[in-house]
Amino acid sequence: MPRRKPGTLLPLEKEILRTALSLRGSFHGFGLAHAMREQSGSRALTAHGTLYKALGRLEERGLLSSVWEDAAAAEGRPRRRLYELTGEGARIARAEPATAPSPRVAARPA
């Protein structure tokens, strides 16, 4: 598999940025995955590990920032990492054209 060129984004990363832009504010990974499925019928997520690796790459590039949720807000559940789109991330998200949702499995013609 060829390596991607420096500075390019994977389709999943582009979709994350576009969805994050629509969420307007901070979000956590599970909420982002839910929004991606609702908005575009995303099939890009095969596992949550895929999402969190992509979020980490976007944060390393300065397109997202994150902080751990306040322990008091967790109230009996594990704390979540809250992500937010940076100014550069928002600029790139606005510049990326929206893509059509992944096609569902079509019925075979008889």
C-alpha atoms as a PDB file:
ATOM      1  CA  MET A   1       0.000   0.000   0.000  1.00  0.00           C
ATOM      2  CA  PRO A   2       1.541   3.341  -0.994  1.00  0.00           C
ATOM      3  CA  ARG A   3       2.174   5.923   1.685  1.00  0.00           C
ATOM      4  CA  ARG A   4       0.088   9.046   1.514  1.00  0.00           C
ATOM      5  CA  LYS A   5       1.645  12.358   0.628  1.00  0.00           C
ATOM      6  CA  PRO A   6       2.491  14.647   3.554  1.00  0.00           C
ATOM      7  CA  GLY A   7      -0.320  17.084   4.249  1.00  0.00           C
ATOM      8  CA  THR A   8      -3.074  14.970   2.706  1.00  0.00           C
ATOM      9  CA  LEU A   9      -6.049  13.731   4.678  1.00  0.00           C
ATOM     10  CA  LEU A  10      -7.697  10.347   4.505  1.00  0.00           C
ATOM     11  CA  PRO A  11     -11.407  10.307   3.594  1.00  0.00           C
ATOM     12  CA  LEU A  12     -12.231   9.373   7.211  1.00  0.00           C
ATOM     13  CA  GLU A  13     -10.243  12.355   8.502  1.00  0.00           C
ATOM     14  CA  LYS A  14     -12.049  14.697   6.089  1.00  0.00           C
ATOM     15  CA  GLU A  15     -15.395  13.336   7.241  1.00  0.00           C
ATOM     16  CA  ILE A  16     -14.401  13.798  10.888  1.00  0.00           C
ATOM     17  CA  LEU A  17     -13.522  17.445  10.251  1.00  0.00           C
ATOM     18  CA  ARG A  18     -16.759  18.147   8.353  1.00  0.00           C
ATOM     19  CA  THR A  19     -18.846  16.492  11.075  1.00  0.00           C
ATOM     20  CA  ALA A  20     -16.949  18.298  13.842  1.00  0.00           C
ATOM     21  CA  LEU A  21     -17.668  21.599  12.090  1.00  0.00           C
ATOM     22  CA  SER A  22     -21.390  20.836  12.157  1.00  0.00           C
ATOM     23  CA  LEU A  23     -21.283  19.986  15.893  1.00  0.00           C
ATOM     24  CA  ARG A  24     -20.167  23.538  16.813  1.00  0.00           C
ATOM     25  CA  GLY A  25     -18.248  23.119  20.028  1.00  0.00           C
ATOM     26  CA  SER A  26     -16.616  20.322  21.957  1.00  0.00           C
ATOM     27  CA  PHE A  27     -17.502  16.689  21.348  1.00  0.00           C
ATOM     28  CA  HIS A  28     -16.410  13.244  22.450  1.00  0.00           C
ATOM     29  CA  GLY A  29     -15.535  10.339  20.177  1.00  0.00           C
ATOM     30  CA  PHE A  30     -18.697   8.298  20.675  1.00  0.00           C
ATOM     31  CA  GLY A  31     -20.878  11.359  20.013  1.00  0.00           C
ATOM     32  CA  LEU A  32     -18.867  12.133  16.889  1.00  0.00           C
ATOM     33  CA  ALA A  33     -19.278   8.570  15.597  1.00  0.00           C
ATOM     34  CA  HIS A  34     -23.032   8.788  16.191  1.00  0.00           C
ATOM     35  CA  ALA A  35     -23.247  12.137  14.358  1.00  0.00           C
ATOM     36  CA  MET A  36     -21.216  10.770  11.438  1.00  0.00           C
ATOM     37  CA  ARG A  37     -23.599   7.839  11.053  1.00  0.00           C
ATOM     38  CA  GLU A  38     -26.669  10.082  11.329  1.00  0.00           C
ATOM     39  CA  GLN A  39     -25.447  12.779   8.940  1.00  0.00           C
ATOM     40  CA  SER A  40     -23.939  10.724   6.187  1.00  0.00           C
ATOM     41  CA  GLY A  41     -24.644   7.079   6.826  1.00  0.00           C
ATOM     42  CA  SER A  42     -20.897   6.721   7.346  1.00  0.00           C
ATOM     43  CA  ARG A  43     -19.531   3.259   6.924  1.00  0.00           C
ATOM     44  CA  ALA A  44     -15.951   4.487   7.309  1.00  0.00           C
ATOM     45  CA  LEU A  45     -15.811   3.378  10.949  1.00  0.00           C
ATOM     46  CA  THR A  46     -15.149  -0.306  11.198  1.00  0.00           C
ATOM     47  CA  ALA A  47     -14.205  -0.032  14.881  1.00  0.00           C
ATOM     48  CA  HIS A  48     -13.923   2.722  17.442  1.00  0.00           C
ATOM     49  CA  GLY A  49     -10.146   2.192  17.417  1.00  0.00           C
ATOM     50  CA  THR A  50     -10.181   3.454  13.831  1.00  0.00           C
ATOM     51  CA  LEU A  51     -11.912   6.652  14.947  1.00  0.00           C
ATOM     52  CA  TYR A  52      -9.620   7.309  17.891  1.00  0.00           C
ATOM     53  CA  LYS A  53      -6.475   6.764  15.820  1.00  0.00           C
ATOM     54  CA  ALA A  54      -7.783   9.267  13.265  1.00  0.00           C
ATOM     55  CA  LEU A  55      -8.642  11.755  16.029  1.00  0.00           C
ATOM     56  CA  GLY A  56      -5.080  11.389  17.352  1.00  0.00           C
ATOM     57  CA  ARG A  57      -3.597  12.057  13.896  1.00  0.00           C
ATOM     58  CA  LEU A  58      -5.778  15.135  13.460  1.00  0.00           C
ATOM     59  CA  GLU A  59      -4.733  16.408  16.877  1.00  0.00           C
ATOM     60  CA  GLU A  60      -1.043  15.853  16.043  1.00  0.00           C
ATOM     61  CA  ARG A  61      -1.531  17.976  12.899  1.00  0.00           C
ATOM     62  CA  GLY A  62      -3.116  20.768  14.950  1.00  0.00           C
ATOM     63  CA  LEU A  63      -6.571  20.387  13.367  1.00  0.00           C
ATOM     64  CA  LEU A  64      -8.187  19.289  16.649  1.00  0.00           C
ATOM     65  CA  SER A  65      -7.398  19.975  20.277  1.00  0.00           C
ATOM     66  CA  SER A  66      -8.497  17.879  23.245  1.00  0.00           C
ATOM     67  CA  VAL A  67      -8.782  17.891  27.020  1.00  0.00           C
ATOM     68  CA  TRP A  68      -9.979  15.331  29.528  1.00  0.00           C
ATOM     69  CA  GLU A  69     -13.486  15.910  30.816  1.00  0.00           C
ATOM     70  CA  ASP A  70     -13.748  17.280  34.340  1.00  0.00           C
ATOM     71  CA  ALA A  71     -13.970  14.368  36.806  1.00  0.00           C
ATOM     72  CA  ALA A  72     -17.055  15.909  38.445  1.00  0.00           C
ATOM     73  CA  ALA A  73     -18.885  15.847  35.099  1.00  0.00           C
ATOM     74  CA  ALA A  74     -18.337  12.096  34.719  1.00  0.00           C
ATOM     75  CA  GLU A  75     -20.603  11.158  37.669  1.00  0.00           C
ATOM     76  CA  GLY A  76     -20.171   7.391  37.888  1.00  0.00           C
ATOM     77  CA  ARG A  77     -18.842   6.728  34.386  1.00  0.00           C
ATOM     78  CA  PRO A  78     -15.354   6.896  32.916  1.00  0.00           C
ATOM     79  CA  ARG A  79     -14.139  10.359  31.956  1.00  0.00           C
ATOM     80  CA  ARG A  80     -14.181  11.204  28.259  1.00  0.00           C
ATOM     81  CA  ARG A  81     -11.706  13.087  26.146  1.00  0.00           C
ATOM     82  CA  LEU A  82     -13.399  16.158  24.697  1.00  0.00           C
ATOM     83  CA  TYR A  83     -12.250  17.307  21.270  1.00  0.00           C
ATOM     84  CA  GLU A  84     -12.657  20.668  19.602  1.00  0.00           C
ATOM     85  CA  LEU A  85     -11.941  21.824  16.089  1.00  0.00           C
ATOM     86  CA  THR A  86      -9.090  24.347  15.875  1.00  0.00           C
ATOM     87  CA  GLY A  87      -9.229  27.376  13.584  1.00  0.00           C
ATOM     88  CA  GLU A  88      -7.062  25.571  11.030  1.00  0.00           C
ATOM     89  CA  GLY A  89      -9.240  22.465  11.294  1.00  0.00           C
ATOM     90  CA  ALA A  90     -12.377  24.550  10.669  1.00  0.00           C
ATOM     91  CA  ARG A  91     -10.744  26.228   7.668  1.00  0.00           C
ATOM     92  CA  ILE A  92      -9.862  22.866   6.132  1.00  0.00           C
ATOM     93  CA  ALA A  93     -13.319  21.435   6.918  1.00  0.00           C
ATOM     94  CA  ARG A  94     -14.981  24.341   5.099  1.00  0.00           C
ATOM     95  CA  ALA A  95     -12.681  23.880   2.098  1.00  0.00           C
ATOM     96  CA  GLU A  96     -13.395  20.144   1.738  1.00  0.00           C
ATOM     97  CA  PRO A  97     -16.250  19.360  -0.630  1.00  0.00           C
ATOM     98  CA  ALA A  98     -18.984  17.207   0.840  1.00  0.00           C
ATOM     99  CA  THR A  99     -19.020  13.711  -0.547  1.00  0.00           C
ATOM    100  CA  ALA A 100     -22.028  11.562  -1.188  1.00  0.00           C
ATOM    101  CA  PRO A 101     -22.774   9.012   1.523  1.00  0.00           C
ATOM    102  CA  SER A 102     -21.459   5.525   1.030  1.00  0.00           C
ATOM    103  CA  PRO A 103     -23.907   3.575  -1.105  1.00  0.00           C
ATOM    104  CA  ARG A 104     -25.899   0.918   0.708  1.00  0.00           C
ATOM    105  CA  VAL A 105     -25.850  -2.591  -0.638  1.00  0.00           C
ATOM    106  CA  ALA A 106     -28.109  -2.456  -3.675  1.00  0.00           C
ATOM    107  CA  ALA A 107     -30.532  -5.186  -4.598  1.00  0.00           C
ATOM    108  CA  ARG A 108     -29.420  -7.280  -7.551  1.00  0.00           C
ATOM    109  CA  PRO A 109     -31.474  -6.973 -10.715  1.00  0.00           C
ATOM    110  CA  ALA A 110     -33.520 -10.067 -11.478  1.00  0.00           C
END
